[in-house]
Amino acid sequence: MAHNKFFIVVLFFLCNLAVALTESTVSCYRIEPGTIAGIICADVLLTLIIVIVTYRCASLRRQKIENANKVYMNVRANCKS
């Protein structure tokens, strides 16, 4: 029972100490809402650019593979005749 009371007193002291330390040395950096909105818009724009470039590269690669298969099929058809 004594250990339990001691633990509660120590816990209470540490909580008060943490609150006292944070109140005396707090210096928050304020970010304006316009800055946050600008960062979010730039992030969305950059994400869209990455998605579009990736899609275009994948489409060009797929198109090259399909064109190569068409050429191969035409060569096989010409060899049979």
N, C-alpha and C. Protein backbone atom coordinates (compact mmCIF):
# COMPACT_ATOMS: atom_id res chain seq x y z
N MET A 1 0.81 -1.18 0.00
CA MET A 1 0.00 0.00 0.00
C MET A 1 0.87 1.26 0.00
N ALA A 2 1.96 1.23 0.72
CA ALA A 2 2.85 2.38 0.80
C ALA A 2 3.52 2.62 -0.55
N HIS A 3 3.84 1.53 -1.26
CA HIS A 3 4.46 1.67 -2.58
C HIS A 3 3.50 2.33 -3.56
N ASN A 4 2.24 2.00 -3.43
CA ASN A 4 1.23 2.55 -4.32
C ASN A 4 1.10 4.07 -4.11
N LYS A 5 1.08 4.52 -2.86
CA LYS A 5 0.99 5.95 -2.57
C LYS A 5 2.25 6.68 -3.03
N PHE A 6 3.40 6.05 -2.81
CA PHE A 6 4.66 6.66 -3.25
C PHE A 6 4.67 6.82 -4.77
N PHE A 7 4.21 5.79 -5.47
CA PHE A 7 4.16 5.84 -6.94
C PHE A 7 3.24 6.97 -7.41
N ILE A 8 2.10 7.15 -6.76
CA ILE A 8 1.16 8.20 -7.15
C ILE A 8 1.77 9.58 -6.89
N VAL A 9 2.46 9.76 -5.77
CA VAL A 9 3.09 11.04 -5.46
C VAL A 9 4.18 11.36 -6.47
N VAL A 10 5.02 10.38 -6.81
CA VAL A 10 6.09 10.59 -7.78
C VAL A 10 5.50 10.91 -9.16
N LEU A 11 4.47 10.19 -9.55
CA LEU A 11 3.83 10.43 -10.84
C LEU A 11 3.23 11.84 -10.89
N PHE A 12 2.57 12.24 -9.81
CA PHE A 12 1.99 13.58 -9.74
C PHE A 12 3.08 14.65 -9.83
N PHE A 13 4.18 14.44 -9.13
CA PHE A 13 5.30 15.39 -9.16
C PHE A 13 5.89 15.51 -10.56
N LEU A 14 6.08 14.38 -11.23
CA LEU A 14 6.65 14.40 -12.58
C LEU A 14 5.71 15.08 -13.57
N CYS A 15 4.42 14.86 -13.43
CA CYS A 15 3.46 15.52 -14.32
C CYS A 15 3.48 17.03 -14.12
N ASN A 16 3.52 17.48 -12.87
CA ASN A 16 3.58 18.91 -12.59
C ASN A 16 4.90 19.51 -13.07
N LEU A 17 5.98 18.77 -12.93
CA LEU A 17 7.27 19.24 -13.39
C LEU A 17 7.28 19.40 -14.91
N ALA A 18 6.69 18.43 -15.62
CA ALA A 18 6.63 18.51 -17.08
C ALA A 18 5.79 19.71 -17.52
N VAL A 19 4.69 19.96 -16.85
CA VAL A 19 3.84 21.10 -17.19
C VAL A 19 4.57 22.41 -16.90
N ALA A 20 5.25 22.49 -15.78
CA ALA A 20 5.98 23.71 -15.41
C ALA A 20 7.10 24.00 -16.40
N LEU A 21 7.80 22.97 -16.84
CA LEU A 21 8.89 23.17 -17.79
C LEU A 21 8.39 23.60 -19.16
N THR A 22 7.28 23.05 -19.60
CA THR A 22 6.78 23.40 -20.92
C THR A 22 6.17 24.79 -20.94
N GLU A 23 5.58 25.23 -19.85
CA GLU A 23 4.97 26.56 -19.83
C GLU A 23 6.00 27.67 -19.86
N SER A 24 7.17 27.44 -19.28
CA SER A 24 8.15 28.51 -19.19
C SER A 24 8.99 28.65 -20.45
N THR A 25 9.13 27.60 -21.24
CA THR A 25 10.03 27.68 -22.40
C THR A 25 9.31 27.46 -23.72
N VAL A 26 8.02 27.67 -23.76
CA VAL A 26 7.28 27.44 -24.99
C VAL A 26 7.45 28.64 -25.92
N SER A 27 7.88 28.35 -27.13
CA SER A 27 7.92 29.39 -28.16
C SER A 27 7.43 28.74 -29.45
N CYS A 28 6.17 28.95 -29.73
CA CYS A 28 5.56 28.32 -30.90
C CYS A 28 5.86 29.15 -32.15
N TYR A 29 6.08 28.46 -33.23
CA TYR A 29 6.28 29.12 -34.52
C TYR A 29 4.94 29.15 -35.22
N ARG A 30 4.45 30.32 -35.53
CA ARG A 30 3.13 30.44 -36.15
C ARG A 30 3.27 30.39 -37.67
N ILE A 31 2.48 29.52 -38.28
CA ILE A 31 2.45 29.41 -39.73
C ILE A 31 1.10 29.96 -40.19
N GLU A 32 1.15 30.86 -41.12
CA GLU A 32 -0.07 31.48 -41.63
C GLU A 32 -0.88 30.47 -42.45
N PRO A 33 -2.21 30.60 -42.44
CA PRO A 33 -3.05 29.68 -43.23
C PRO A 33 -2.74 29.73 -44.72
N GLY A 34 -2.37 30.89 -45.23
CA GLY A 34 -2.02 31.00 -46.65
C GLY A 34 -0.79 30.18 -46.99
N THR A 35 0.16 30.15 -46.08
CA THR A 35 1.37 29.35 -46.29
C THR A 35 1.05 27.87 -46.32
N ILE A 36 0.21 27.44 -45.40
CA ILE A 36 -0.19 26.03 -45.37
C ILE A 36 -0.95 25.67 -46.64
N ALA A 37 -1.86 26.55 -47.07
CA ALA A 37 -2.62 26.30 -48.30
C ALA A 37 -1.68 26.24 -49.51
N GLY A 38 -0.67 27.10 -49.54
CA GLY A 38 0.30 27.08 -50.63
C GLY A 38 1.11 25.80 -50.65
N ILE A 39 1.51 25.32 -49.48
CA ILE A 39 2.26 24.06 -49.41
C ILE A 39 1.40 22.90 -49.88
N ILE A 40 0.14 22.88 -49.47
CA ILE A 40 -0.76 21.80 -49.88
C ILE A 40 -1.00 21.84 -51.39
N CYS A 41 -1.23 23.03 -51.94
CA CYS A 41 -1.45 23.15 -53.39
C CYS A 41 -0.21 22.73 -54.17
N ALA A 42 0.96 23.13 -53.71
CA ALA A 42 2.19 22.73 -54.38
C ALA A 42 2.39 21.22 -54.31
N ASP A 43 2.03 20.62 -53.18
CA ASP A 43 2.15 19.17 -53.03
C ASP A 43 1.20 18.45 -53.99
N VAL A 44 -0.03 18.92 -54.09
CA VAL A 44 -1.00 18.31 -55.01
C VAL A 44 -0.53 18.47 -56.45
N LEU A 45 -0.04 19.64 -56.80
CA LEU A 45 0.45 19.89 -58.16
C LEU A 45 1.64 18.98 -58.49
N LEU A 46 2.58 18.87 -57.58
CA LEU A 46 3.74 18.01 -57.80
C LEU A 46 3.32 16.55 -57.93
N THR A 47 2.36 16.12 -57.12
CA THR A 47 1.86 14.74 -57.21
C THR A 47 1.21 14.50 -58.56
N LEU A 48 0.41 15.44 -59.04
CA LEU A 48 -0.22 15.29 -60.35
C LEU A 48 0.81 15.24 -61.47
N ILE A 49 1.84 16.06 -61.38
CA ILE A 49 2.89 16.03 -62.40
C ILE A 49 3.58 14.67 -62.42
N ILE A 50 3.88 14.13 -61.24
CA ILE A 50 4.53 12.81 -61.17
C ILE A 50 3.63 11.73 -61.75
N VAL A 51 2.34 11.78 -61.44
CA VAL A 51 1.40 10.78 -61.96
C VAL A 51 1.29 10.89 -63.47
N ILE A 52 1.20 12.09 -64.00
CA ILE A 52 1.07 12.28 -65.45
C ILE A 52 2.32 11.81 -66.18
N VAL A 53 3.50 12.16 -65.67
CA VAL A 53 4.75 11.73 -66.31
C VAL A 53 4.87 10.21 -66.27
N THR A 54 4.53 9.61 -65.15
CA THR A 54 4.59 8.15 -65.04
C THR A 54 3.63 7.49 -66.01
N TYR A 55 2.41 8.02 -66.12
CA TYR A 55 1.42 7.47 -67.04
C TYR A 55 1.90 7.57 -68.48
N ARG A 56 2.45 8.73 -68.84
CA ARG A 56 2.93 8.92 -70.22
C ARG A 56 4.07 7.96 -70.54
N CYS A 57 5.01 7.81 -69.62
CA CYS A 57 6.14 6.90 -69.85
C CYS A 57 5.65 5.46 -69.99
N ALA A 58 4.71 5.07 -69.14
CA ALA A 58 4.17 3.71 -69.22
C ALA A 58 3.40 3.51 -70.52
N SER A 59 2.65 4.52 -70.94
CA SER A 59 1.89 4.41 -72.19
C SER A 59 2.81 4.29 -73.39
N LEU A 60 3.87 5.09 -73.42
CA LEU A 60 4.82 5.00 -74.53
C LEU A 60 5.50 3.64 -74.57
N ARG A 61 5.85 3.13 -73.41
CA ARG A 61 6.50 1.81 -73.36
C ARG A 61 5.55 0.72 -73.83
N ARG A 62 4.29 0.79 -73.37
CA ARG A 62 3.29 -0.19 -73.79
C ARG A 62 3.07 -0.12 -75.30
N GLN A 63 3.02 1.11 -75.82
CA GLN A 63 2.80 1.28 -77.26
C GLN A 63 3.98 0.72 -78.06
N LYS A 64 5.20 0.90 -77.58
CA LYS A 64 6.36 0.34 -78.27
C LYS A 64 6.32 -1.18 -78.29
N ILE A 65 5.89 -1.78 -77.18
CA ILE A 65 5.79 -3.24 -77.11
C ILE A 65 4.73 -3.74 -78.07
N GLU A 66 3.58 -3.05 -78.11
CA GLU A 66 2.51 -3.47 -79.03
C GLU A 66 2.95 -3.32 -80.48
N ASN A 67 3.66 -2.24 -80.79
CA ASN A 67 4.15 -2.05 -82.16
C ASN A 67 5.18 -3.11 -82.52
N ALA A 68 6.02 -3.48 -81.59
CA ALA A 68 7.01 -4.52 -81.85
C ALA A 68 6.32 -5.86 -82.11
N ASN A 69 5.25 -6.15 -81.38
CA ASN A 69 4.51 -7.39 -81.61
C ASN A 69 3.84 -7.37 -82.98
N LYS A 70 3.34 -6.22 -83.41
CA LYS A 70 2.71 -6.13 -84.73
C LYS A 70 3.73 -6.37 -85.83
N VAL A 71 4.91 -5.80 -85.68
CA VAL A 71 5.96 -6.01 -86.69
C VAL A 71 6.34 -7.48 -86.73
N TYR A 72 6.48 -8.10 -85.58
CA TYR A 72 6.86 -9.51 -85.53
C TYR A 72 5.79 -10.37 -86.20
N MET A 73 4.51 -10.06 -85.95
CA MET A 73 3.43 -10.84 -86.57
C MET A 73 3.43 -10.64 -88.08
N ASN A 74 3.70 -9.42 -88.54
CA ASN A 74 3.74 -9.18 -89.99
C ASN A 74 4.91 -9.92 -90.63
N VAL A 75 6.03 -9.97 -89.96
CA VAL A 75 7.19 -10.69 -90.49
C VAL A 75 6.86 -12.18 -90.59
N ARG A 76 6.22 -12.73 -89.58
CA ARG A 76 5.84 -14.15 -89.62
C ARG A 76 4.85 -14.42 -90.74
N ALA A 77 3.90 -13.48 -90.93
CA ALA A 77 2.90 -13.67 -91.99
C ALA A 77 3.55 -13.60 -93.36
N ASN A 78 4.51 -12.71 -93.54
CA ASN A 78 5.21 -12.59 -94.82
C ASN A 78 6.09 -13.80 -95.10
N CYS A 79 6.64 -14.41 -94.08
CA CYS A 79 7.50 -15.58 -94.28
C CYS A 79 6.68 -16.80 -94.69
N LYS A 80 5.43 -16.89 -94.27
CA LYS A 80 4.61 -18.05 -94.59
C LYS A 80 4.14 -18.02 -96.03
N SER A 81 4.03 -16.88 -96.63
CA SER A 81 3.48 -16.83 -97.99
C SER A 81 4.51 -16.99 -99.06
